[in-house]
Amino acid sequence: MKRMQERLNGGPRTAQPVFEASLRSGGPAHQIILGLDPSLRGTGFGVIRLAKPFPQTLAHGTILCSPTLERSRCLARIAQTLRDVLRQHRPTVCVVEGLFYAQNFQTAMIMGEARGAALSVIAEAGLEIYEVAPRKAKQAIVGYGAARKPAVAGMVQRMLHLVEPPAPDAADALALALTHARERGRFSLQPAKRI
């Protein structure tokens, strides 16, 4: 309130880094964010902690399932791996990639199964869950909504000061977490969709 009063009275105005707004006076309720890019054969995940001067990467990876593995076993592997990630890093919010249009009904069903397995574990743990469209995350991270995976991975690497670019699905998950961190740190006319 004091800062607002100073600004209204013509006090100094200073620009702050994108993530600075999230870290002021006690910070937000969510300091650890889980990004999730669900898929049956390669579910990407990324966990970041809001920190100064840039967010810190706690974990990232891809839950890989062989094409020879039964779908039910893939779903179990996704669920178990996510339980382990939740137990180890204790995020309080999850940002999942929004649904996209699939022309093939069978593909849409399989993607829905993987998404459902992941979301049930996240909801079971009590996390708030938000959905971000893939184009919105690419726009927020790369500046172009139709950016390709290597561009997203490269920008995520730079933003998080990683030694090497993350794998494509993990990069998408980290991009979702970063997008959520940026959106929460400033006024947004179009808030993220909570699911």
N, C-alpha and C. Protein backbone atom coordinates (compact mmCIF):
# COMPACT_ATOMS: atom_id res chain seq x y z
N MET A 1 0.84 -1.18 0.00
CA MET A 1 0.00 0.00 0.00
C MET A 1 0.88 1.24 0.00
N LYS A 2 1.97 1.17 0.75
CA LYS A 2 2.88 2.31 0.84
C LYS A 2 3.46 2.65 -0.54
N ARG A 3 3.87 1.63 -1.30
CA ARG A 3 4.40 1.85 -2.65
C ARG A 3 3.38 2.49 -3.56
N MET A 4 2.14 2.03 -3.46
CA MET A 4 1.08 2.57 -4.29
C MET A 4 0.86 4.04 -3.96
N GLN A 5 0.84 4.37 -2.69
CA GLN A 5 0.66 5.76 -2.27
C GLN A 5 1.80 6.63 -2.79
N GLU A 6 3.04 6.12 -2.72
CA GLU A 6 4.19 6.87 -3.23
C GLU A 6 4.06 7.12 -4.72
N ARG A 7 3.62 6.12 -5.45
CA ARG A 7 3.46 6.27 -6.89
C ARG A 7 2.38 7.27 -7.22
N LEU A 8 1.27 7.25 -6.46
CA LEU A 8 0.19 8.20 -6.69
C LEU A 8 0.63 9.63 -6.40
N ASN A 9 1.53 9.76 -5.44
CA ASN A 9 2.03 11.09 -5.06
C ASN A 9 3.20 11.53 -5.94
N GLY A 10 3.48 10.78 -7.02
CA GLY A 10 4.55 11.17 -7.93
C GLY A 10 5.91 10.67 -7.53
N GLY A 11 5.97 9.68 -6.66
CA GLY A 11 7.24 9.12 -6.22
C GLY A 11 7.95 8.41 -7.34
N PRO A 12 9.14 7.87 -7.05
CA PRO A 12 9.94 7.21 -8.10
C PRO A 12 9.25 5.97 -8.65
N ARG A 13 9.38 5.80 -9.94
CA ARG A 13 8.84 4.62 -10.61
C ARG A 13 10.01 3.85 -11.19
N THR A 14 10.09 2.60 -10.82
CA THR A 14 11.18 1.78 -11.34
C THR A 14 10.62 0.52 -11.97
N ALA A 15 11.25 0.12 -13.04
CA ALA A 15 10.84 -1.12 -13.69
C ALA A 15 11.41 -2.29 -12.91
N GLN A 16 10.67 -3.41 -12.92
CA GLN A 16 11.11 -4.61 -12.22
C GLN A 16 11.21 -5.76 -13.20
N PRO A 17 12.11 -6.69 -12.95
CA PRO A 17 12.17 -7.88 -13.80
C PRO A 17 10.83 -8.61 -13.80
N VAL A 18 10.60 -9.39 -14.84
CA VAL A 18 9.33 -10.11 -14.99
C VAL A 18 8.97 -10.90 -13.75
N PHE A 19 9.93 -11.61 -13.16
CA PHE A 19 9.62 -12.47 -12.03
C PHE A 19 9.63 -11.72 -10.70
N GLU A 20 10.08 -10.47 -10.68
CA GLU A 20 10.18 -9.70 -9.44
C GLU A 20 8.83 -9.52 -8.77
N ALA A 21 7.79 -9.25 -9.56
CA ALA A 21 6.48 -8.99 -8.99
C ALA A 21 5.96 -10.17 -8.19
N SER A 22 6.33 -11.36 -8.58
CA SER A 22 5.87 -12.55 -7.88
C SER A 22 6.58 -12.75 -6.55
N LEU A 23 7.70 -12.08 -6.36
CA LEU A 23 8.53 -12.37 -5.21
C LEU A 23 8.49 -11.28 -4.14
N ARG A 24 7.71 -10.24 -4.33
CA ARG A 24 7.65 -9.14 -3.38
C ARG A 24 6.93 -9.54 -2.11
N SER A 25 7.30 -8.90 -1.05
CA SER A 25 6.66 -8.99 0.27
C SER A 25 5.99 -10.32 0.56
N GLY A 26 6.79 -11.31 0.81
CA GLY A 26 6.24 -12.61 1.21
C GLY A 26 5.96 -13.53 0.06
N GLY A 27 5.84 -12.99 -1.16
CA GLY A 27 5.67 -13.83 -2.34
C GLY A 27 4.27 -14.43 -2.43
N PRO A 28 4.01 -15.10 -3.53
CA PRO A 28 2.70 -15.70 -3.74
C PRO A 28 2.56 -17.00 -2.96
N ALA A 29 1.36 -17.52 -3.00
CA ALA A 29 1.11 -18.78 -2.31
C ALA A 29 1.87 -19.92 -3.00
N HIS A 30 2.15 -19.76 -4.29
CA HIS A 30 2.78 -20.84 -5.05
C HIS A 30 4.22 -20.48 -5.42
N GLN A 31 5.16 -21.07 -4.74
CA GLN A 31 6.57 -20.85 -5.04
C GLN A 31 7.14 -21.96 -5.91
N ILE A 32 6.54 -23.14 -5.88
CA ILE A 32 7.03 -24.28 -6.66
C ILE A 32 5.93 -24.69 -7.64
N ILE A 33 6.27 -24.66 -8.93
CA ILE A 33 5.29 -24.88 -10.00
C ILE A 33 5.68 -26.11 -10.80
N LEU A 34 4.69 -26.98 -11.04
CA LEU A 34 4.88 -28.16 -11.87
C LEU A 34 4.24 -27.91 -13.23
N GLY A 35 5.02 -28.02 -14.30
CA GLY A 35 4.50 -27.95 -15.66
C GLY A 35 4.35 -29.37 -16.18
N LEU A 36 3.29 -29.62 -16.95
CA LEU A 36 3.00 -30.98 -17.40
C LEU A 36 2.51 -30.99 -18.84
N ASP A 37 3.16 -31.79 -19.68
CA ASP A 37 2.80 -31.97 -21.08
C ASP A 37 2.46 -33.45 -21.28
N PRO A 38 1.19 -33.84 -21.03
CA PRO A 38 0.84 -35.26 -21.03
C PRO A 38 0.77 -35.90 -22.42
N SER A 39 1.27 -37.12 -22.50
CA SER A 39 1.20 -37.93 -23.70
C SER A 39 1.43 -39.38 -23.28
N LEU A 40 0.84 -40.31 -23.97
CA LEU A 40 0.97 -41.71 -23.57
C LEU A 40 2.41 -42.21 -23.65
N ARG A 41 3.11 -41.88 -24.70
CA ARG A 41 4.47 -42.41 -24.91
C ARG A 41 5.58 -41.48 -24.41
N GLY A 42 5.26 -40.22 -24.13
CA GLY A 42 6.29 -39.29 -23.67
C GLY A 42 5.70 -38.11 -22.93
N THR A 43 5.37 -38.29 -21.66
CA THR A 43 4.83 -37.21 -20.84
C THR A 43 5.98 -36.36 -20.29
N GLY A 44 5.97 -35.09 -20.66
CA GLY A 44 7.01 -34.19 -20.18
C GLY A 44 6.59 -33.55 -18.86
N PHE A 45 7.57 -33.36 -17.96
CA PHE A 45 7.30 -32.65 -16.72
C PHE A 45 8.46 -31.73 -16.40
N GLY A 46 8.17 -30.67 -15.68
CA GLY A 46 9.21 -29.73 -15.26
C GLY A 46 8.78 -29.06 -13.98
N VAL A 47 9.68 -28.94 -13.03
CA VAL A 47 9.37 -28.31 -11.75
C VAL A 47 10.33 -27.14 -11.56
N ILE A 48 9.77 -25.96 -11.31
CA ILE A 48 10.58 -24.78 -11.06
C ILE A 48 10.22 -24.15 -9.72
N ARG A 49 11.18 -23.47 -9.13
CA ARG A 49 10.94 -22.69 -7.91
C ARG A 49 11.17 -21.23 -8.26
N LEU A 50 10.24 -20.37 -7.88
CA LEU A 50 10.43 -18.94 -8.10
C LEU A 50 11.57 -18.47 -7.22
N ALA A 51 12.51 -17.77 -7.81
CA ALA A 51 13.69 -17.30 -7.09
C ALA A 51 14.24 -16.07 -7.80
N LYS A 52 15.14 -15.38 -7.14
CA LYS A 52 15.81 -14.23 -7.73
C LYS A 52 17.22 -14.63 -8.11
N PRO A 53 17.76 -14.20 -9.19
CA PRO A 53 17.19 -13.29 -10.19
C PRO A 53 16.38 -14.00 -11.27
N PHE A 54 16.39 -15.34 -11.26
CA PHE A 54 15.61 -16.09 -12.24
C PHE A 54 15.11 -17.37 -11.57
N PRO A 55 14.04 -17.97 -12.12
CA PRO A 55 13.51 -19.20 -11.53
C PRO A 55 14.56 -20.31 -11.53
N GLN A 56 14.48 -21.17 -10.55
CA GLN A 56 15.41 -22.27 -10.38
C GLN A 56 14.74 -23.57 -10.83
N THR A 57 15.44 -24.36 -11.62
CA THR A 57 14.92 -25.65 -12.07
C THR A 57 15.19 -26.71 -11.00
N LEU A 58 14.13 -27.33 -10.52
CA LEU A 58 14.28 -28.40 -9.53
C LEU A 58 14.36 -29.77 -10.19
N ALA A 59 13.58 -29.96 -11.25
CA ALA A 59 13.58 -31.25 -11.96
C ALA A 59 12.91 -31.08 -13.30
N HIS A 60 13.31 -31.90 -14.24
CA HIS A 60 12.60 -31.98 -15.52
C HIS A 60 12.94 -33.32 -16.16
N GLY A 61 12.03 -33.78 -17.00
CA GLY A 61 12.26 -35.05 -17.65
C GLY A 61 11.08 -35.47 -18.49
N THR A 62 11.20 -36.66 -19.05
CA THR A 62 10.14 -37.23 -19.88
C THR A 62 9.86 -38.64 -19.38
N ILE A 63 8.59 -38.93 -19.15
CA ILE A 63 8.18 -40.28 -18.75
C ILE A 63 7.97 -41.06 -20.04
N LEU A 64 8.96 -41.86 -20.39
CA LEU A 64 8.93 -42.60 -21.66
C LEU A 64 8.29 -43.97 -21.49
N CYS A 65 7.47 -44.33 -22.47
CA CYS A 65 6.85 -45.65 -22.49
C CYS A 65 7.04 -46.24 -23.88
N SER A 66 7.58 -47.41 -23.93
CA SER A 66 7.84 -48.10 -25.19
C SER A 66 6.54 -48.38 -25.93
N PRO A 67 6.56 -48.32 -27.27
CA PRO A 67 5.37 -48.67 -28.05
C PRO A 67 4.90 -50.10 -27.81
N THR A 68 5.78 -50.96 -27.31
CA THR A 68 5.40 -52.35 -27.05
C THR A 68 4.71 -52.51 -25.70
N LEU A 69 4.80 -51.48 -24.86
CA LEU A 69 4.18 -51.55 -23.53
C LEU A 69 2.68 -51.31 -23.64
N GLU A 70 1.89 -52.11 -22.96
CA GLU A 70 0.43 -51.96 -22.99
C GLU A 70 0.04 -50.58 -22.47
N ARG A 71 -1.06 -50.05 -23.00
CA ARG A 71 -1.52 -48.72 -22.59
C ARG A 71 -1.75 -48.65 -21.09
N SER A 72 -2.33 -49.68 -20.52
CA SER A 72 -2.62 -49.65 -19.08
C SER A 72 -1.32 -49.54 -18.27
N ARG A 73 -0.25 -50.17 -18.74
CA ARG A 73 1.04 -50.10 -18.05
C ARG A 73 1.66 -48.72 -18.21
N CYS A 74 1.45 -48.09 -19.37
CA CYS A 74 1.94 -46.72 -19.58
C CYS A 74 1.24 -45.76 -18.62
N LEU A 75 -0.06 -45.92 -18.48
CA LEU A 75 -0.82 -45.04 -17.58
C LEU A 75 -0.35 -45.21 -16.14
N ALA A 76 -0.08 -46.44 -15.75
CA ALA A 76 0.42 -46.70 -14.40
C ALA A 76 1.79 -46.07 -14.20
N ARG A 77 2.65 -46.15 -15.22
CA ARG A 77 3.99 -45.55 -15.12
C ARG A 77 3.90 -44.03 -15.00
N ILE A 78 3.02 -43.41 -15.77
CA ILE A 78 2.82 -41.95 -15.69
C ILE A 78 2.39 -41.58 -14.28
N ALA A 79 1.39 -42.29 -13.76
CA ALA A 79 0.87 -41.98 -12.42
C ALA A 79 1.94 -42.16 -11.36
N GLN A 80 2.67 -43.25 -11.39
CA GLN A 80 3.68 -43.51 -10.36
C GLN A 80 4.83 -42.51 -10.41
N THR A 81 5.29 -42.19 -11.61
CA THR A 81 6.38 -41.22 -11.74
C THR A 81 5.95 -39.86 -11.22
N LEU A 82 4.74 -39.44 -11.54
CA LEU A 82 4.26 -38.14 -11.07
C LEU A 82 4.10 -38.15 -9.55
N ARG A 83 3.66 -39.25 -8.98
CA ARG A 83 3.58 -39.34 -7.51
C ARG A 83 4.97 -39.14 -6.89
N ASP A 84 5.98 -39.75 -7.50
CA ASP A 84 7.35 -39.59 -7.00
C ASP A 84 7.82 -38.15 -7.11
N VAL A 85 7.53 -37.49 -8.24
CA VAL A 85 7.91 -36.08 -8.44
C VAL A 85 7.22 -35.20 -7.41
N LEU A 86 5.93 -35.44 -7.19
CA LEU A 86 5.17 -34.65 -6.21
C LEU A 86 5.73 -34.84 -4.80
N ARG A 87 6.04 -36.07 -4.46
CA ARG A 87 6.57 -36.37 -3.13
C ARG A 87 7.93 -35.70 -2.92
N GLN A 88 8.77 -35.71 -3.94
CA GLN A 88 10.12 -35.18 -3.79
C GLN A 88 10.17 -33.65 -3.80
N HIS A 89 9.37 -33.00 -4.65
CA HIS A 89 9.51 -31.55 -4.83
C HIS A 89 8.38 -30.72 -4.23
N ARG A 90 7.26 -31.33 -3.91
CA ARG A 90 6.14 -30.68 -3.23
C ARG A 90 5.64 -29.39 -3.90
N PRO A 91 5.33 -29.44 -5.19
CA PRO A 91 4.74 -28.25 -5.81
C PRO A 91 3.33 -28.02 -5.26
N THR A 92 2.84 -26.81 -5.39
CA THR A 92 1.48 -26.51 -4.93
C THR A 92 0.55 -26.13 -6.07
N VAL A 93 1.10 -26.01 -7.26
CA VAL A 93 0.27 -25.69 -8.42
C VAL A 93 0.82 -26.45 -9.63
N CYS A 94 -0.09 -26.84 -10.51
CA CYS A 94 0.29 -27.55 -11.74
C CYS A 94 -0.29 -26.80 -12.93
N VAL A 95 0.51 -26.69 -13.97
CA VAL A 95 0.07 -26.08 -15.21
C VAL A 95 0.18 -27.15 -16.30
N VAL A 96 -0.95 -27.48 -16.87
CA VAL A 96 -1.00 -28.56 -17.87
C VAL A 96 -1.27 -27.97 -19.24
N GLU A 97 -0.70 -28.59 -20.26
CA GLU A 97 -0.93 -28.13 -21.62
C GLU A 97 -2.40 -28.33 -21.97
N GLY A 98 -3.00 -27.31 -22.57
CA GLY A 98 -4.40 -27.37 -22.97
C GLY A 98 -4.63 -28.37 -24.08
N LEU A 99 -5.86 -28.78 -24.23
CA LEU A 99 -6.23 -29.73 -25.27
C LEU A 99 -6.08 -29.09 -26.64
N PHE A 100 -5.74 -29.91 -27.61
CA PHE A 100 -5.65 -29.44 -28.99
C PHE A 100 -6.59 -30.28 -29.84
N TYR A 101 -6.89 -29.78 -31.01
CA TYR A 101 -7.79 -30.48 -31.91
C TYR A 101 -7.07 -31.66 -32.55
N ALA A 102 -7.63 -32.83 -32.43
CA ALA A 102 -7.05 -34.03 -33.05
C ALA A 102 -8.01 -34.55 -34.10
N GLN A 103 -7.52 -34.75 -35.29
CA GLN A 103 -8.38 -35.25 -36.37
C GLN A 103 -8.68 -36.74 -36.20
N ASN A 104 -7.80 -37.46 -35.57
CA ASN A 104 -7.95 -38.88 -35.39
C ASN A 104 -8.59 -39.16 -34.02
N PHE A 105 -9.76 -39.77 -34.04
CA PHE A 105 -10.49 -40.04 -32.80
C PHE A 105 -9.69 -40.95 -31.86
N GLN A 106 -9.03 -41.96 -32.41
CA GLN A 106 -8.25 -42.89 -31.60
C GLN A 106 -7.10 -42.16 -30.88
N THR A 107 -6.42 -41.26 -31.59
CA THR A 107 -5.34 -40.47 -31.00
C THR A 107 -5.88 -39.60 -29.87
N ALA A 108 -7.03 -38.98 -30.11
CA ALA A 108 -7.64 -38.13 -29.08
C ALA A 108 -7.98 -38.94 -27.83
N MET A 109 -8.48 -40.14 -28.01
CA MET A 109 -8.82 -41.00 -26.87
C MET A 109 -7.57 -41.37 -26.07
N ILE A 110 -6.51 -41.75 -26.76
CA ILE A 110 -5.27 -42.14 -26.08
C ILE A 110 -4.66 -40.96 -25.33
N MET A 111 -4.67 -39.78 -25.97
CA MET A 111 -4.16 -38.57 -25.30
C MET A 111 -5.00 -38.25 -24.07
N GLY A 112 -6.30 -38.43 -24.20
CA GLY A 112 -7.20 -38.18 -23.06
C GLY A 112 -6.94 -39.13 -21.90
N GLU A 113 -6.61 -40.37 -22.21
CA GLU A 113 -6.29 -41.34 -21.15
C GLU A 113 -5.04 -40.91 -20.38
N ALA A 114 -3.99 -40.51 -21.11
CA ALA A 114 -2.75 -40.07 -20.47
C ALA A 114 -2.98 -38.82 -19.64
N ARG A 115 -3.72 -37.89 -20.20
CA ARG A 115 -4.04 -36.65 -19.48
C ARG A 115 -4.85 -36.95 -18.22
N GLY A 116 -5.81 -37.85 -18.34
CA GLY A 116 -6.64 -38.22 -17.20
C GLY A 116 -5.85 -38.88 -16.08
N ALA A 117 -4.94 -39.77 -16.46
CA ALA A 117 -4.09 -40.44 -15.46
C ALA A 117 -3.25 -39.42 -14.72
N ALA A 118 -2.67 -38.48 -15.46
CA ALA A 118 -1.82 -37.46 -14.85
C ALA A 118 -2.63 -36.52 -13.96
N LEU A 119 -3.75 -36.04 -14.48
CA LEU A 119 -4.55 -35.07 -13.71
C LEU A 119 -5.15 -35.68 -12.45
N SER A 120 -5.49 -36.96 -12.50
CA SER A 120 -6.05 -37.59 -11.30
C SER A 120 -5.02 -37.64 -10.18
N VAL A 121 -3.76 -37.90 -10.52
CA VAL A 121 -2.69 -37.92 -9.51
C VAL A 121 -2.47 -36.52 -8.95
N ILE A 122 -2.47 -35.52 -9.83
CA ILE A 122 -2.25 -34.13 -9.41
C ILE A 122 -3.39 -33.67 -8.51
N ALA A 123 -4.63 -33.96 -8.91
CA ALA A 123 -5.79 -33.56 -8.11
C ALA A 123 -5.81 -34.30 -6.78
N GLU A 124 -5.44 -35.56 -6.79
CA GLU A 124 -5.38 -36.37 -5.57
C GLU A 124 -4.42 -35.75 -4.55
N ALA A 125 -3.36 -35.12 -5.05
CA ALA A 125 -2.36 -34.48 -4.17
C ALA A 125 -2.82 -33.11 -3.68
N GLY A 126 -3.93 -32.62 -4.20
CA GLY A 126 -4.49 -31.36 -3.72
C GLY A 126 -3.96 -30.11 -4.39
N LEU A 127 -3.25 -30.25 -5.51
CA LEU A 127 -2.71 -29.08 -6.20
C LEU A 127 -3.79 -28.33 -6.95
N GLU A 128 -3.62 -27.01 -7.05
CA GLU A 128 -4.43 -26.24 -7.98
C GLU A 128 -3.93 -26.60 -9.37
N ILE A 129 -4.85 -26.71 -10.34
CA ILE A 129 -4.47 -27.08 -11.70
C ILE A 129 -4.98 -26.01 -12.66
N TYR A 130 -4.07 -25.53 -13.49
CA TYR A 130 -4.41 -24.54 -14.52
C TYR A 130 -4.06 -25.12 -15.88
N GLU A 131 -4.78 -24.66 -16.88
CA GLU A 131 -4.57 -25.11 -18.25
C GLU A 131 -4.10 -23.93 -19.09
N VAL A 132 -3.06 -24.14 -19.87
CA VAL A 132 -2.54 -23.11 -20.76
C VAL A 132 -2.45 -23.70 -22.16
N ALA A 133 -2.98 -22.97 -23.13
CA ALA A 133 -2.94 -23.42 -24.52
C ALA A 133 -1.49 -23.46 -25.01
N PRO A 134 -1.14 -24.45 -25.84
CA PRO A 134 0.23 -24.55 -26.35
C PRO A 134 0.69 -23.26 -27.05
N ARG A 135 -0.17 -22.65 -27.84
CA ARG A 135 0.21 -21.42 -28.55
C ARG A 135 0.50 -20.28 -27.58
N LYS A 136 -0.27 -20.22 -26.49
CA LYS A 136 -0.06 -19.15 -25.51
C LYS A 136 1.30 -19.32 -24.82
N ALA A 137 1.66 -20.55 -24.49
CA ALA A 137 2.95 -20.79 -23.85
C ALA A 137 4.09 -20.44 -24.80
N LYS A 138 3.97 -20.84 -26.06
CA LYS A 138 5.02 -20.51 -27.05
C LYS A 138 5.13 -19.01 -27.24
N GLN A 139 3.99 -18.33 -27.28
CA GLN A 139 3.99 -16.87 -27.42
C GLN A 139 4.67 -16.21 -26.23
N ALA A 140 4.39 -16.71 -25.03
CA ALA A 140 4.96 -16.13 -23.82
C ALA A 140 6.46 -16.37 -23.71
N ILE A 141 6.93 -17.51 -24.16
CA ILE A 141 8.34 -17.88 -23.98
C ILE A 141 9.21 -17.46 -25.17
N VAL A 142 8.72 -17.72 -26.39
CA VAL A 142 9.52 -17.45 -27.58
C VAL A 142 9.12 -16.15 -28.26
N GLY A 143 7.86 -15.74 -28.05
CA GLY A 143 7.36 -14.54 -28.72
C GLY A 143 6.65 -14.84 -30.02
N TYR A 144 6.43 -16.14 -30.29
CA TYR A 144 5.78 -16.56 -31.53
C TYR A 144 4.97 -17.82 -31.23
N GLY A 145 3.66 -17.76 -31.42
CA GLY A 145 2.76 -18.84 -31.04
C GLY A 145 2.91 -20.13 -31.81
N ALA A 146 3.57 -20.08 -32.99
CA ALA A 146 3.76 -21.29 -33.78
C ALA A 146 5.23 -21.73 -33.77
N ALA A 147 5.95 -21.35 -32.73
CA ALA A 147 7.37 -21.70 -32.64
C ALA A 147 7.55 -23.21 -32.60
N ARG A 148 8.64 -23.68 -33.14
CA ARG A 148 8.94 -25.12 -33.16
C ARG A 148 9.63 -25.52 -31.85
N LYS A 149 9.63 -26.81 -31.60
CA LYS A 149 10.17 -27.34 -30.35
C LYS A 149 11.62 -26.94 -30.07
N PRO A 150 12.53 -26.93 -31.05
CA PRO A 150 13.90 -26.51 -30.75
C PRO A 150 14.00 -25.06 -30.27
N ALA A 151 13.15 -24.19 -30.82
CA ALA A 151 13.15 -22.79 -30.38
C ALA A 151 12.66 -22.68 -28.94
N VAL A 152 11.64 -23.44 -28.59
CA VAL A 152 11.12 -23.44 -27.21
C VAL A 152 12.20 -23.96 -26.26
N ALA A 153 12.83 -25.07 -26.63
CA ALA A 153 13.87 -25.65 -25.77
C ALA A 153 15.03 -24.69 -25.58
N GLY A 154 15.43 -24.01 -26.64
CA GLY A 154 16.53 -23.05 -26.55
C GLY A 154 16.21 -21.89 -25.64
N MET A 155 15.00 -21.36 -25.75
CA MET A 155 14.62 -20.22 -24.91
C MET A 155 14.46 -20.65 -23.45
N VAL A 156 13.90 -21.82 -23.22
CA VAL A 156 13.77 -22.34 -21.85
C VAL A 156 15.17 -22.51 -21.25
N GLN A 157 16.09 -23.03 -22.04
CA GLN A 157 17.47 -23.20 -21.57
C GLN A 157 18.05 -21.85 -21.12
N ARG A 158 17.85 -20.81 -21.93
CA ARG A 158 18.37 -19.48 -21.59
C ARG A 158 17.70 -18.90 -20.35
N MET A 159 16.38 -19.02 -20.29
CA MET A 159 15.63 -18.42 -19.18
C MET A 159 15.96 -19.07 -17.84
N LEU A 160 16.22 -20.38 -17.87
CA LEU A 160 16.49 -21.11 -16.63
C LEU A 160 17.99 -21.35 -16.40
N HIS A 161 18.82 -20.83 -17.31
CA HIS A 161 20.27 -20.97 -17.19
C HIS A 161 20.69 -22.44 -17.08
N LEU A 162 20.12 -23.27 -17.95
CA LEU A 162 20.46 -24.69 -17.98
C LEU A 162 21.72 -24.91 -18.81
N VAL A 163 22.47 -25.92 -18.50
CA VAL A 163 23.70 -26.22 -19.22
C VAL A 163 23.42 -26.63 -20.66
N GLU A 164 22.34 -27.39 -20.86
CA GLU A 164 21.97 -27.81 -22.21
C GLU A 164 20.45 -27.75 -22.36
N PRO A 165 19.97 -27.71 -23.60
CA PRO A 165 18.52 -27.65 -23.78
C PRO A 165 17.84 -28.91 -23.25
N PRO A 166 16.70 -28.76 -22.60
CA PRO A 166 15.96 -29.95 -22.15
C PRO A 166 15.37 -30.70 -23.34
N ALA A 167 15.02 -31.97 -23.13
CA ALA A 167 14.35 -32.76 -24.15
C ALA A 167 13.04 -32.06 -24.55
N PRO A 168 12.56 -32.26 -25.76
CA PRO A 168 11.40 -31.51 -26.26
C PRO A 168 10.17 -31.52 -25.34
N ASP A 169 9.76 -32.68 -24.86
CA ASP A 169 8.56 -32.74 -24.01
C ASP A 169 8.80 -32.08 -22.66
N ALA A 170 9.99 -32.24 -22.10
CA ALA A 170 10.34 -31.59 -20.84
C ALA A 170 10.42 -30.08 -21.04
N ALA A 171 10.95 -29.64 -22.19
CA ALA A 171 11.02 -28.20 -22.49
C ALA A 171 9.62 -27.59 -22.55
N ASP A 172 8.68 -28.31 -23.17
CA ASP A 172 7.30 -27.81 -23.23
C ASP A 172 6.72 -27.69 -21.82
N ALA A 173 7.00 -28.65 -20.97
CA ALA A 173 6.50 -28.62 -19.59
C ALA A 173 7.11 -27.45 -18.81
N LEU A 174 8.40 -27.24 -18.97
CA LEU A 174 9.06 -26.11 -18.30
C LEU A 174 8.53 -24.78 -18.84
N ALA A 175 8.24 -24.73 -20.14
CA ALA A 175 7.67 -23.52 -20.73
C ALA A 175 6.31 -23.21 -20.12
N LEU A 176 5.51 -24.24 -19.86
CA LEU A 176 4.21 -24.04 -19.22
C LEU A 176 4.38 -23.47 -17.81
N ALA A 177 5.33 -24.02 -17.05
CA ALA A 177 5.58 -23.53 -15.69
C ALA A 177 6.05 -22.08 -15.72
N LEU A 178 6.95 -21.75 -16.65
CA LEU A 178 7.44 -20.37 -16.78
C LEU A 178 6.32 -19.42 -17.19
N THR A 179 5.46 -19.86 -18.10
CA THR A 179 4.33 -19.03 -18.52
C THR A 179 3.44 -18.72 -17.34
N HIS A 180 3.17 -19.72 -16.51
CA HIS A 180 2.33 -19.50 -15.33
C HIS A 180 3.00 -18.51 -14.38
N ALA A 181 4.30 -18.67 -14.17
CA ALA A 181 5.03 -17.76 -13.28
C ALA A 181 4.96 -16.33 -13.79
N ARG A 182 5.08 -16.14 -15.08
CA ARG A 182 5.02 -14.80 -15.67
C ARG A 182 3.62 -14.21 -15.55
N GLU A 183 2.62 -15.03 -15.82
CA GLU A 183 1.23 -14.54 -15.76
C GLU A 183 0.83 -14.16 -14.34
N ARG A 184 1.30 -14.91 -13.36
CA ARG A 184 0.95 -14.63 -11.97
C ARG A 184 1.67 -13.38 -11.47
N GLY A 185 2.76 -13.00 -12.13
CA GLY A 185 3.55 -11.87 -11.68
C GLY A 185 3.10 -10.54 -12.24
N ARG A 186 2.05 -10.54 -13.04
CA ARG A 186 1.56 -9.28 -13.60
C ARG A 186 0.06 -9.36 -13.83
N PHE A 187 -0.54 -8.21 -14.05
CA PHE A 187 -1.97 -8.15 -14.31
C PHE A 187 -2.26 -8.78 -15.66
N SER A 188 -3.23 -9.64 -15.70
CA SER A 188 -3.57 -10.32 -16.93
C SER A 188 -5.06 -10.13 -17.23
N LEU A 189 -5.36 -9.67 -18.45
CA LEU A 189 -6.76 -9.49 -18.84
C LEU A 189 -7.44 -10.84 -19.08
N GLN A 190 -6.66 -11.83 -19.39
CA GLN A 190 -7.20 -13.15 -19.66
C GLN A 190 -6.54 -14.16 -18.73
N PRO A 191 -7.10 -14.35 -17.53
CA PRO A 191 -6.46 -15.24 -16.56
C PRO A 191 -6.44 -16.70 -17.06
N ALA A 192 -5.46 -17.45 -16.55
CA ALA A 192 -5.35 -18.86 -16.92
C ALA A 192 -6.61 -19.61 -16.49
N LYS A 193 -6.98 -20.60 -17.28
CA LYS A 193 -8.17 -21.39 -17.00
C LYS A 193 -7.85 -22.42 -15.93
N ARG A 194 -8.60 -22.36 -14.82
CA ARG A 194 -8.40 -23.33 -13.74
C ARG A 194 -9.29 -24.54 -13.99
N ILE A 195 -8.72 -25.73 -13.85
CA ILE A 195 -9.51 -26.95 -14.07
C ILE A 195 -9.47 -27.84 -12.83
